[in-house]
Amino acid sequence: MKITVNGKEVELKNSKTIADYIIEKNVTGKMYVIEKNLEIIPKEDYSKTELKDGDIIELVGFVGGG
């Protein structure tokens, strides 16, 4: 299955949900937002939000500092 993540096409091997993708790609940090096809997905829905061929994902992480 191919999806687009942050503007780059990627091939998924085992990911079926957003939660699977986070684990597969070792996404770290607590402060990030995921948008699927222009809709922000609540964190509690990551494990039940299925990924489909052609989906467009934006993953944005927040960095603090001062």
N, C-alpha and C. Protein backbone atom coordinates (compact mmCIF):
# COMPACT_ATOMS: atom_id res chain seq x y z
N MET A 1 0.85 -1.16 0.00
CA MET A 1 0.00 0.00 0.00
C MET A 1 0.90 1.23 0.00
N LYS A 2 0.53 2.24 -0.77
CA LYS A 2 1.28 3.49 -0.83
C LYS A 2 0.42 4.63 -0.30
N ILE A 3 1.04 5.41 0.60
CA ILE A 3 0.40 6.62 1.10
C ILE A 3 1.41 7.76 0.98
N THR A 4 0.95 8.98 1.17
CA THR A 4 1.85 10.13 1.17
C THR A 4 1.93 10.66 2.59
N VAL A 5 3.17 10.80 3.08
CA VAL A 5 3.40 11.31 4.43
C VAL A 5 4.29 12.54 4.33
N ASN A 6 3.77 13.67 4.78
CA ASN A 6 4.50 14.94 4.73
C ASN A 6 5.08 15.20 3.33
N GLY A 7 4.27 14.93 2.32
CA GLY A 7 4.65 15.23 0.94
C GLY A 7 5.48 14.18 0.23
N LYS A 8 5.83 13.09 0.92
CA LYS A 8 6.65 12.04 0.30
C LYS A 8 5.86 10.73 0.24
N GLU A 9 5.90 10.08 -0.91
CA GLU A 9 5.21 8.81 -1.05
C GLU A 9 5.99 7.72 -0.33
N VAL A 10 5.29 6.94 0.49
CA VAL A 10 5.92 5.85 1.22
C VAL A 10 5.14 4.56 1.00
N GLU A 11 5.85 3.46 1.05
CA GLU A 11 5.25 2.14 0.93
C GLU A 11 5.11 1.55 2.33
N LEU A 12 3.90 1.16 2.68
CA LEU A 12 3.67 0.55 3.99
C LEU A 12 3.70 -0.96 3.86
N LYS A 13 4.36 -1.59 4.81
CA LYS A 13 4.44 -3.05 4.78
C LYS A 13 3.43 -3.69 5.72
N ASN A 14 3.41 -3.22 6.97
CA ASN A 14 2.56 -3.85 7.98
C ASN A 14 1.52 -2.93 8.59
N SER A 15 1.64 -1.65 8.34
CA SER A 15 0.75 -0.68 9.00
C SER A 15 -0.65 -0.74 8.41
N LYS A 16 -1.62 -0.92 9.30
CA LYS A 16 -3.02 -0.92 8.89
C LYS A 16 -3.77 0.25 9.49
N THR A 17 -3.23 0.80 10.60
CA THR A 17 -3.85 1.94 11.26
C THR A 17 -2.78 3.00 11.51
N ILE A 18 -3.22 4.18 11.93
CA ILE A 18 -2.26 5.22 12.27
C ILE A 18 -1.37 4.77 13.43
N ALA A 19 -1.93 4.09 14.41
CA ALA A 19 -1.14 3.58 15.54
C ALA A 19 -0.06 2.62 15.04
N ASP A 20 -0.39 1.74 14.10
CA ASP A 20 0.59 0.82 13.51
C ASP A 20 1.72 1.60 12.84
N TYR A 21 1.35 2.66 12.11
CA TYR A 21 2.35 3.47 11.41
C TYR A 21 3.30 4.11 12.41
N ILE A 22 2.77 4.65 13.51
CA ILE A 22 3.61 5.28 14.53
C ILE A 22 4.62 4.29 15.09
N ILE A 23 4.20 3.07 15.32
CA ILE A 23 5.10 2.03 15.83
C ILE A 23 6.11 1.63 14.75
N GLU A 24 5.64 1.38 13.52
CA GLU A 24 6.51 0.95 12.43
C GLU A 24 7.61 1.97 12.14
N LYS A 25 7.28 3.25 12.19
CA LYS A 25 8.25 4.30 11.87
C LYS A 25 8.94 4.86 13.09
N ASN A 26 8.65 4.30 14.27
CA ASN A 26 9.28 4.71 15.52
C ASN A 26 9.14 6.21 15.76
N VAL A 27 7.93 6.71 15.60
CA VAL A 27 7.65 8.12 15.85
C VAL A 27 7.76 8.35 17.36
N THR A 28 8.61 9.30 17.75
CA THR A 28 8.83 9.55 19.17
C THR A 28 8.34 10.94 19.56
N GLY A 29 8.25 11.15 20.83
CA GLY A 29 7.79 12.43 21.35
C GLY A 29 6.31 12.38 21.66
N LYS A 30 5.90 13.23 22.58
CA LYS A 30 4.50 13.25 22.99
C LYS A 30 3.69 14.31 22.28
N MET A 31 4.37 15.30 21.73
CA MET A 31 3.69 16.44 21.16
C MET A 31 3.69 16.38 19.63
N TYR A 32 2.70 15.73 19.06
CA TYR A 32 2.54 15.72 17.62
C TYR A 32 1.06 15.59 17.27
N VAL A 33 0.76 16.02 16.06
CA VAL A 33 -0.61 15.97 15.55
C VAL A 33 -0.57 15.24 14.22
N ILE A 34 -1.56 14.41 13.97
CA ILE A 34 -1.64 13.70 12.70
C ILE A 34 -2.93 14.09 11.99
N GLU A 35 -2.77 14.45 10.74
CA GLU A 35 -3.90 14.80 9.88
C GLU A 35 -3.98 13.76 8.77
N LYS A 36 -5.17 13.25 8.53
CA LYS A 36 -5.39 12.27 7.46
C LYS A 36 -6.41 12.86 6.50
N ASN A 37 -5.99 13.03 5.26
CA ASN A 37 -6.87 13.56 4.23
C ASN A 37 -7.58 14.84 4.69
N LEU A 38 -6.78 15.77 5.22
CA LEU A 38 -7.22 17.11 5.65
C LEU A 38 -8.08 17.11 6.92
N GLU A 39 -8.11 16.01 7.65
CA GLU A 39 -8.87 15.93 8.90
C GLU A 39 -7.94 15.55 10.05
N ILE A 40 -7.91 16.37 11.10
CA ILE A 40 -7.09 16.06 12.26
C ILE A 40 -7.69 14.87 13.00
N ILE A 41 -6.84 13.90 13.28
CA ILE A 41 -7.29 12.68 13.95
C ILE A 41 -6.96 12.78 15.44
N PRO A 42 -7.97 12.65 16.30
CA PRO A 42 -7.70 12.67 17.75
C PRO A 42 -6.81 11.49 18.16
N LYS A 43 -5.92 11.72 19.09
CA LYS A 43 -4.97 10.70 19.53
C LYS A 43 -5.66 9.41 19.94
N GLU A 44 -6.82 9.53 20.58
CA GLU A 44 -7.53 8.32 21.04
C GLU A 44 -8.09 7.50 19.88
N ASP A 45 -8.10 8.05 18.66
CA ASP A 45 -8.61 7.33 17.50
C ASP A 45 -7.51 6.73 16.62
N TYR A 46 -6.24 6.90 16.99
CA TYR A 46 -5.14 6.39 16.16
C TYR A 46 -5.25 4.88 15.91
N SER A 47 -5.63 4.13 16.93
CA SER A 47 -5.66 2.67 16.79
C SER A 47 -6.86 2.18 15.98
N LYS A 48 -7.87 3.02 15.79
CA LYS A 48 -9.03 2.58 15.01
C LYS A 48 -9.17 3.32 13.68
N THR A 49 -8.21 4.20 13.35
CA THR A 49 -8.24 4.92 12.08
C THR A 49 -7.41 4.15 11.06
N GLU A 50 -8.10 3.50 10.14
CA GLU A 50 -7.42 2.67 9.13
C GLU A 50 -6.77 3.52 8.06
N LEU A 51 -5.62 3.03 7.58
CA LEU A 51 -4.94 3.64 6.46
C LEU A 51 -5.31 2.90 5.19
N LYS A 52 -5.52 3.65 4.12
CA LYS A 52 -5.90 3.06 2.83
C LYS A 52 -4.97 3.58 1.75
N ASP A 53 -4.81 2.81 0.71
CA ASP A 53 -3.97 3.20 -0.42
C ASP A 53 -4.37 4.59 -0.91
N GLY A 54 -3.39 5.48 -1.04
CA GLY A 54 -3.65 6.82 -1.53
C GLY A 54 -3.91 7.86 -0.47
N ASP A 55 -4.00 7.45 0.81
CA ASP A 55 -4.21 8.43 1.88
C ASP A 55 -3.08 9.44 1.92
N ILE A 56 -3.42 10.66 2.36
CA ILE A 56 -2.43 11.72 2.53
C ILE A 56 -2.37 12.03 4.02
N ILE A 57 -1.18 11.83 4.59
CA ILE A 57 -0.95 12.03 6.02
C ILE A 57 0.01 13.19 6.22
N GLU A 58 -0.32 14.05 7.17
CA GLU A 58 0.60 15.09 7.62
C GLU A 58 0.86 14.82 9.09
N LEU A 59 2.13 14.70 9.44
CA LEU A 59 2.54 14.46 10.81
C LEU A 59 3.38 15.64 11.25
N VAL A 60 2.88 16.38 12.24
CA VAL A 60 3.54 17.60 12.69
C VAL A 60 3.91 17.43 14.15
N GLY A 61 5.20 17.61 14.45
CA GLY A 61 5.68 17.55 15.82
C GLY A 61 5.95 18.93 16.36
N PHE A 62 5.75 19.10 17.66
CA PHE A 62 5.97 20.38 18.32
C PHE A 62 7.27 20.31 19.13
N VAL A 63 8.04 21.39 19.05
CA VAL A 63 9.30 21.48 19.78
C VAL A 63 9.24 22.71 20.67
N GLY A 64 9.54 22.50 21.92
CA GLY A 64 9.54 23.62 22.86
C GLY A 64 10.95 24.16 23.06
N GLY A 65 11.03 25.30 23.59
CA GLY A 65 12.35 25.90 23.86
C GLY A 65 12.17 27.36 24.21
N GLY A 66 13.28 27.96 24.47
CA GLY A 66 13.16 29.36 24.82
C GLY A 66 14.47 30.06 24.82
